[in-house]
Amino acid sequence: MSDHQTDEIRTVGASGRVGFGRRLGALAVDILILLILTWIVQAVAGREGPPHASGVHHPANLTQIVAGVGVAVALVQLLYWFIEGLTGASPGKMVLKMRIGNATGTSATPATLILRMFIKQINVLTTFLVVLTGSHLLVWIGLAGGAIVFFGCFLALGASSQALHDRIVGTAVFRAGSRA
């Protein structure tokens, strides 16, 4: 890293970049919201009456119901994360007053935010595609991608406060209202 890049990181960091702890807090809020939404979707999509009335005890019917609930849950999660891709902040980040911008602190384009969201949520995207296609290869791609993103999040502990998905697309997380 050059001296200029180090100076830029210090300057940007001083102007509102958010570190690992606060980002982890936003993720906890997002997970809580997603758990509630997932529970609601499962309750609505998975209940069509008692098993003896709906024929759920028949394996073919059970498979259809499980697949339907899986599609609904995966779709809800994908749409939830699109909020971050479209607005520059997940609901958890909004609650904790954070926003995603370019690494320089300027506003990121919608294309950049959506690309960041797809990279960060590769496991959710592949889960949705697995449910739709049944492809076992996508399961492994999702698991590998999810593991890389998970461990890449710990890069936010560094001086630049950027996770791997931020570094790939040139973004960072800032306190809302700082530099944009």
C-alpha atoms as a PDB file:
ATOM      1  CA  MET A   1       0.000   0.000   0.000  1.00  0.00           C
ATOM      2  CA  SER A   2       1.434   3.391  -0.962  1.00  0.00           C
ATOM      3  CA  ASP A   3       1.775   6.311   1.454  1.00  0.00           C
ATOM      4  CA  HIS A   4      -0.921   8.152  -0.525  1.00  0.00           C
ATOM      5  CA  GLN A   5      -3.380   5.260  -0.094  1.00  0.00           C
ATOM      6  CA  THR A   6      -2.579   5.025   3.619  1.00  0.00           C
ATOM      7  CA  ASP A   7      -3.118   8.784   4.026  1.00  0.00           C
ATOM      8  CA  GLU A   8      -6.405   8.517   2.090  1.00  0.00           C
ATOM      9  CA  ILE A   9      -7.625   5.688   4.360  1.00  0.00           C
ATOM     10  CA  ARG A  10      -6.751   7.698   7.473  1.00  0.00           C
ATOM     11  CA  THR A  11      -8.560  10.748   6.071  1.00  0.00           C
ATOM     12  CA  VAL A  12     -11.631   8.786   4.991  1.00  0.00           C
ATOM     13  CA  GLY A  13     -11.673   6.773   8.217  1.00  0.00           C
ATOM     14  CA  ALA A  14     -11.654   9.968  10.213  1.00  0.00           C
ATOM     15  CA  SER A  15     -14.581  11.235   8.157  1.00  0.00           C
ATOM     16  CA  GLY A  16     -17.079   8.581   9.089  1.00  0.00           C
ATOM     17  CA  ARG A  17     -16.201   5.011   8.044  1.00  0.00           C
ATOM     18  CA  VAL A  18     -17.866   2.431  10.213  1.00  0.00           C
ATOM     19  CA  GLY A  19     -15.875  -0.423  11.670  1.00  0.00           C
ATOM     20  CA  PHE A  20     -16.602  -4.081  12.301  1.00  0.00           C
ATOM     21  CA  GLY A  21     -18.521  -3.806  15.593  1.00  0.00           C
ATOM     22  CA  ARG A  22     -21.215  -1.428  14.425  1.00  0.00           C
ATOM     23  CA  ARG A  23     -21.601  -3.378  11.172  1.00  0.00           C
ATOM     24  CA  LEU A  24     -22.000  -6.572  13.202  1.00  0.00           C
ATOM     25  CA  GLY A  25     -24.732  -4.832  15.205  1.00  0.00           C
ATOM     26  CA  ALA A  26     -26.562  -3.940  11.975  1.00  0.00           C
ATOM     27  CA  LEU A  27     -26.281  -7.551  10.838  1.00  0.00           C
ATOM     28  CA  ALA A  28     -27.793  -8.711  14.141  1.00  0.00           C
ATOM     29  CA  VAL A  29     -30.770  -6.371  13.590  1.00  0.00           C
ATOM     30  CA  ASP A  30     -31.122  -7.632  10.008  1.00  0.00           C
ATOM     31  CA  ILE A  31     -30.999 -11.275  11.122  1.00  0.00           C
ATOM     32  CA  LEU A  32     -33.656 -10.642  13.760  1.00  0.00           C
ATOM     33  CA  ILE A  33     -35.932  -9.003  11.172  1.00  0.00           C
ATOM     34  CA  LEU A  34     -35.265 -11.816   8.689  1.00  0.00           C
ATOM     35  CA  LEU A  35     -36.003 -14.482  11.299  1.00  0.00           C
ATOM     36  CA  ILE A  36     -39.367 -12.864  11.997  1.00  0.00           C
ATOM     37  CA  LEU A  37     -40.147 -12.539   8.275  1.00  0.00           C
ATOM     38  CA  THR A  38     -39.042 -16.123   7.621  1.00  0.00           C
ATOM     39  CA  TRP A  39     -41.206 -17.403  10.461  1.00  0.00           C
ATOM     40  CA  ILE A  40     -44.206 -15.507   9.064  1.00  0.00           C
ATOM     41  CA  VAL A  41     -43.618 -16.827   5.529  1.00  0.00           C
ATOM     42  CA  GLN A  42     -43.196 -20.381   6.785  1.00  0.00           C
ATOM     43  CA  ALA A  43     -46.352 -20.102   8.875  1.00  0.00           C
ATOM     44  CA  VAL A  44     -48.385 -18.750   5.957  1.00  0.00           C
ATOM     45  CA  ALA A  45     -46.905 -20.835   3.123  1.00  0.00           C
ATOM     46  CA  GLY A  46     -46.515 -24.066   5.070  1.00  0.00           C
ATOM     47  CA  ARG A  47     -49.979 -24.418   6.541  1.00  0.00           C
ATOM     48  CA  GLU A  48     -52.804 -25.551   4.350  1.00  0.00           C
ATOM     49  CA  GLY A  49     -54.849 -27.260   7.051  1.00  0.00           C
ATOM     50  CA  PRO A  50     -54.278 -30.303   9.210  1.00  0.00           C
ATOM     51  CA  PRO A  51     -52.187 -33.108   7.650  1.00  0.00           C
ATOM     52  CA  HIS A  52     -55.118 -35.516   7.342  1.00  0.00           C
ATOM     53  CA  ALA A  53     -57.229 -32.913   5.507  1.00  0.00           C
ATOM     54  CA  SER A  54     -54.564 -31.690   3.101  1.00  0.00           C
ATOM     55  CA  GLY A  55     -52.851 -34.960   2.309  1.00  0.00           C
ATOM     56  CA  VAL A  56     -49.490 -33.690   3.641  1.00  0.00           C
ATOM     57  CA  HIS A  57     -48.746 -37.206   4.857  1.00  0.00           C
ATOM     58  CA  HIS A  58     -48.315 -38.283   1.240  1.00  0.00           C
ATOM     59  CA  PRO A  59     -44.617 -37.866   0.238  1.00  0.00           C
ATOM     60  CA  ALA A  60     -45.398 -36.122  -3.064  1.00  0.00           C
ATOM     61  CA  ASN A  61     -47.551 -33.504  -1.321  1.00  0.00           C
ATOM     62  CA  LEU A  62     -44.979 -32.972   1.429  1.00  0.00           C
ATOM     63  CA  THR A  63     -42.242 -32.414  -1.174  1.00  0.00           C
ATOM     64  CA  GLN A  64     -44.358 -29.811  -2.966  1.00  0.00           C
ATOM     65  CA  ILE A  65     -45.126 -27.965   0.264  1.00  0.00           C
ATOM     66  CA  VAL A  66     -41.481 -27.977   1.411  1.00  0.00           C
ATOM     67  CA  ALA A  67     -40.329 -26.776  -2.032  1.00  0.00           C
ATOM     68  CA  GLY A  68     -42.978 -24.033  -2.009  1.00  0.00           C
ATOM     69  CA  VAL A  69     -41.972 -22.835   1.451  1.00  0.00           C
ATOM     70  CA  GLY A  70     -38.298 -22.969   0.417  1.00  0.00           C
ATOM     71  CA  VAL A  71     -38.955 -20.786  -2.634  1.00  0.00           C
ATOM     72  CA  ALA A  72     -41.000 -18.346  -0.550  1.00  0.00           C
ATOM     73  CA  VAL A  73     -38.347 -18.085   2.186  1.00  0.00           C
ATOM     74  CA  ALA A  74     -35.481 -17.720  -0.309  1.00  0.00           C
ATOM     75  CA  LEU A  75     -37.429 -15.069  -2.226  1.00  0.00           C
ATOM     76  CA  VAL A  76     -38.200 -13.089   0.947  1.00  0.00           C
ATOM     77  CA  GLN A  77     -34.525 -13.156   1.928  1.00  0.00           C
ATOM     78  CA  LEU A  78     -33.388 -12.136  -1.549  1.00  0.00           C
ATOM     79  CA  LEU A  79     -35.899  -9.276  -1.663  1.00  0.00           C
ATOM     80  CA  TYR A  80     -34.885  -8.198   1.845  1.00  0.00           C
ATOM     81  CA  TRP A  81     -31.252  -7.842   0.809  1.00  0.00           C
ATOM     82  CA  PHE A  82     -32.297  -5.975  -2.328  1.00  0.00           C
ATOM     83  CA  ILE A  83     -33.257  -3.138   0.033  1.00  0.00           C
ATOM     84  CA  GLU A  84     -29.547  -2.679   0.745  1.00  0.00           C
ATOM     85  CA  GLY A  85     -28.722  -2.995  -2.946  1.00  0.00           C
ATOM     86  CA  LEU A  86     -31.272  -0.373  -3.948  1.00  0.00           C
ATOM     87  CA  THR A  87     -30.994   2.133  -1.081  1.00  0.00           C
ATOM     88  CA  GLY A  88     -27.422   1.779   0.139  1.00  0.00           C
ATOM     89  CA  ALA A  89     -28.483   0.551   3.579  1.00  0.00           C
ATOM     90  CA  SER A  90     -30.161  -2.554   4.932  1.00  0.00           C
ATOM     91  CA  PRO A  91     -32.887  -1.980   7.526  1.00  0.00           C
ATOM     92  CA  GLY A  92     -30.295  -2.855  10.195  1.00  0.00           C
ATOM     93  CA  LYS A  93     -27.913  -0.240   8.824  1.00  0.00           C
ATOM     94  CA  MET A  94     -30.780   2.273   8.685  1.00  0.00           C
ATOM     95  CA  VAL A  95     -31.617   1.635  12.352  1.00  0.00           C
ATOM     96  CA  LEU A  96     -27.974   2.168  13.331  1.00  0.00           C
ATOM     97  CA  LYS A  97     -27.645   5.188  10.997  1.00  0.00           C
ATOM     98  CA  MET A  98     -25.198   3.846   8.439  1.00  0.00           C
ATOM     99  CA  ARG A  99     -24.993   3.988   4.660  1.00  0.00           C
ATOM    100  CA  ILE A 100     -22.904   2.394   1.937  1.00  0.00           C
ATOM    101  CA  GLY A 101     -20.965   4.677  -0.377  1.00  0.00           C
ATOM    102  CA  ASN A 102     -17.943   4.619  -2.623  1.00  0.00           C
ATOM    103  CA  ALA A 103     -14.661   4.118  -0.775  1.00  0.00           C
ATOM    104  CA  THR A 104     -13.992   7.841  -1.190  1.00  0.00           C
ATOM    105  CA  GLY A 105     -17.174   8.719   0.691  1.00  0.00           C
ATOM    106  CA  THR A 106     -19.246   9.781  -2.302  1.00  0.00           C
ATOM    107  CA  SER A 107     -22.586   8.189  -3.110  1.00  0.00           C
ATOM    108  CA  ALA A 108     -22.338   4.818  -4.827  1.00  0.00           C
ATOM    109  CA  THR A 109     -24.299   4.150  -7.991  1.00  0.00           C
ATOM    110  CA  PRO A 110     -27.238   1.733  -7.864  1.00  0.00           C
ATOM    111  CA  ALA A 111     -25.277  -0.684 -10.095  1.00  0.00           C
ATOM    112  CA  THR A 112     -22.377  -0.694  -7.616  1.00  0.00           C
ATOM    113  CA  LEU A 113     -24.727  -1.236  -4.673  1.00  0.00           C
ATOM    114  CA  ILE A 114     -26.530  -4.114  -6.384  1.00  0.00           C
ATOM    115  CA  LEU A 115     -23.246  -5.756  -7.419  1.00  0.00           C
ATOM    116  CA  ARG A 116     -22.040  -5.446  -3.814  1.00  0.00           C
ATOM    117  CA  MET A 117     -25.300  -6.984  -2.607  1.00  0.00           C
ATOM    118  CA  PHE A 118     -24.986  -9.935  -5.002  1.00  0.00           C
ATOM    119  CA  ILE A 119     -21.399 -10.606  -3.912  1.00  0.00           C
ATOM    120  CA  LYS A 120     -22.212 -10.244  -0.219  1.00  0.00           C
ATOM    121  CA  GLN A 121     -25.351 -12.392  -0.474  1.00  0.00           C
ATOM    122  CA  ILE A 122     -24.006 -15.066  -2.858  1.00  0.00           C
ATOM    123  CA  ASN A 123     -25.259 -17.784  -0.512  1.00  0.00           C
ATOM    124  CA  VAL A 124     -28.824 -16.365  -0.498  1.00  0.00           C
ATOM    125  CA  LEU A 125     -28.799 -15.985  -4.279  1.00  0.00           C
ATOM    126  CA  THR A 126     -27.568 -19.523  -4.841  1.00  0.00           C
ATOM    127  CA  THR A 127     -30.062 -20.896  -2.283  1.00  0.00           C
ATOM    128  CA  PHE A 128     -32.860 -19.287  -4.283  1.00  0.00           C
ATOM    129  CA  LEU A 129     -31.469 -20.766  -7.497  1.00  0.00           C
ATOM    130  CA  VAL A 130     -31.013 -24.204  -5.877  1.00  0.00           C
ATOM    131  CA  VAL A 131     -34.640 -24.222  -4.783  1.00  0.00           C
ATOM    132  CA  LEU A 132     -35.712 -23.289  -8.309  1.00  0.00           C
ATOM    133  CA  THR A 133     -33.390 -25.619 -10.214  1.00  0.00           C
ATOM    134  CA  GLY A 134     -32.447 -28.398  -7.797  1.00  0.00           C
ATOM    135  CA  SER A 135     -28.803 -28.056  -8.890  1.00  0.00           C
ATOM    136  CA  HIS A 136     -26.407 -29.594  -6.390  1.00  0.00           C
ATOM    137  CA  LEU A 137     -23.495 -27.720  -7.962  1.00  0.00           C
ATOM    138  CA  LEU A 138     -25.096 -24.439  -6.913  1.00  0.00           C
ATOM    139  CA  VAL A 139     -25.241 -25.701  -3.327  1.00  0.00           C
ATOM    140  CA  TRP A 140     -21.444 -26.032  -3.310  1.00  0.00           C
ATOM    141  CA  ILE A 141     -20.942 -22.682  -5.050  1.00  0.00           C
ATOM    142  CA  GLY A 142     -23.186 -21.039  -2.453  1.00  0.00           C
ATOM    143  CA  LEU A 143     -21.388 -22.693   0.456  1.00  0.00           C
ATOM    144  CA  ALA A 144     -17.945 -21.766  -0.876  1.00  0.00           C
ATOM    145  CA  GLY A 145     -18.989 -18.229  -1.742  1.00  0.00           C
ATOM    146  CA  GLY A 146     -20.705 -17.789   1.614  1.00  0.00           C
ATOM    147  CA  ALA A 147     -17.590 -18.975   3.468  1.00  0.00           C
ATOM    148  CA  ILE A 148     -15.359 -16.596   1.507  1.00  0.00           C
ATOM    149  CA  VAL A 149     -17.701 -13.668   2.206  1.00  0.00           C
ATOM    150  CA  PHE A 150     -17.993 -14.638   5.892  1.00  0.00           C
ATOM    151  CA  PHE A 151     -14.241 -14.684   6.425  1.00  0.00           C
ATOM    152  CA  GLY A 152     -13.868 -11.619   4.187  1.00  0.00           C
ATOM    153  CA  CYS A 153     -16.060  -9.657   6.600  1.00  0.00           C
ATOM    154  CA  PHE A 154     -13.244  -9.804   9.152  1.00  0.00           C
ATOM    155  CA  LEU A 155     -11.184  -7.559   6.857  1.00  0.00           C
ATOM    156  CA  ALA A 156     -13.396  -4.748   8.202  1.00  0.00           C
ATOM    157  CA  LEU A 157     -11.302  -5.017  11.370  1.00  0.00           C
ATOM    158  CA  GLY A 158      -8.395  -3.466   9.423  1.00  0.00           C
ATOM    159  CA  ALA A 159      -7.449   0.173   8.987  1.00  0.00           C
ATOM    160  CA  SER A 160      -9.647   0.656   5.911  1.00  0.00           C
ATOM    161  CA  SER A 161     -12.769  -0.772   7.641  1.00  0.00           C
ATOM    162  CA  GLN A 162     -13.637  -2.525   4.374  1.00  0.00           C
ATOM    163  CA  ALA A 163     -14.869  -6.094   4.126  1.00  0.00           C
ATOM    164  CA  LEU A 164     -13.895  -8.206   1.110  1.00  0.00           C
ATOM    165  CA  HIS A 165     -17.134  -7.404  -0.751  1.00  0.00           C
ATOM    166  CA  ASP A 166     -16.434  -3.675  -0.191  1.00  0.00           C
ATOM    167  CA  ARG A 167     -12.892  -3.979  -1.512  1.00  0.00           C
ATOM    168  CA  ILE A 168     -14.042  -5.876  -4.608  1.00  0.00           C
ATOM    169  CA  VAL A 169     -16.513  -3.173  -5.687  1.00  0.00           C
ATOM    170  CA  GLY A 170     -14.782  -0.139  -4.150  1.00  0.00           C
ATOM    171  CA  THR A 171     -17.280   0.688  -1.405  1.00  0.00           C
ATOM    172  CA  ALA A 172     -17.228   1.307   2.337  1.00  0.00           C
ATOM    173  CA  VAL A 173     -19.795   1.740   5.091  1.00  0.00           C
ATOM    174  CA  PHE A 174     -20.144   5.219   6.604  1.00  0.00           C
ATOM    175  CA  ARG A 175     -22.101   6.913   9.328  1.00  0.00           C
ATOM    176  CA  ALA A 176     -25.255   8.344   7.756  1.00  0.00           C
ATOM    177  CA  GLY A 177     -24.822  12.018   7.049  1.00  0.00           C
ATOM    178  CA  SER A 178     -21.032  11.897   6.671  1.00  0.00           C
ATOM    179  CA  ARG A 179     -19.509  13.094   3.368  1.00  0.00           C
ATOM    180  CA  ALA A 180     -21.868  11.991   0.586  1.00  0.00           C
END
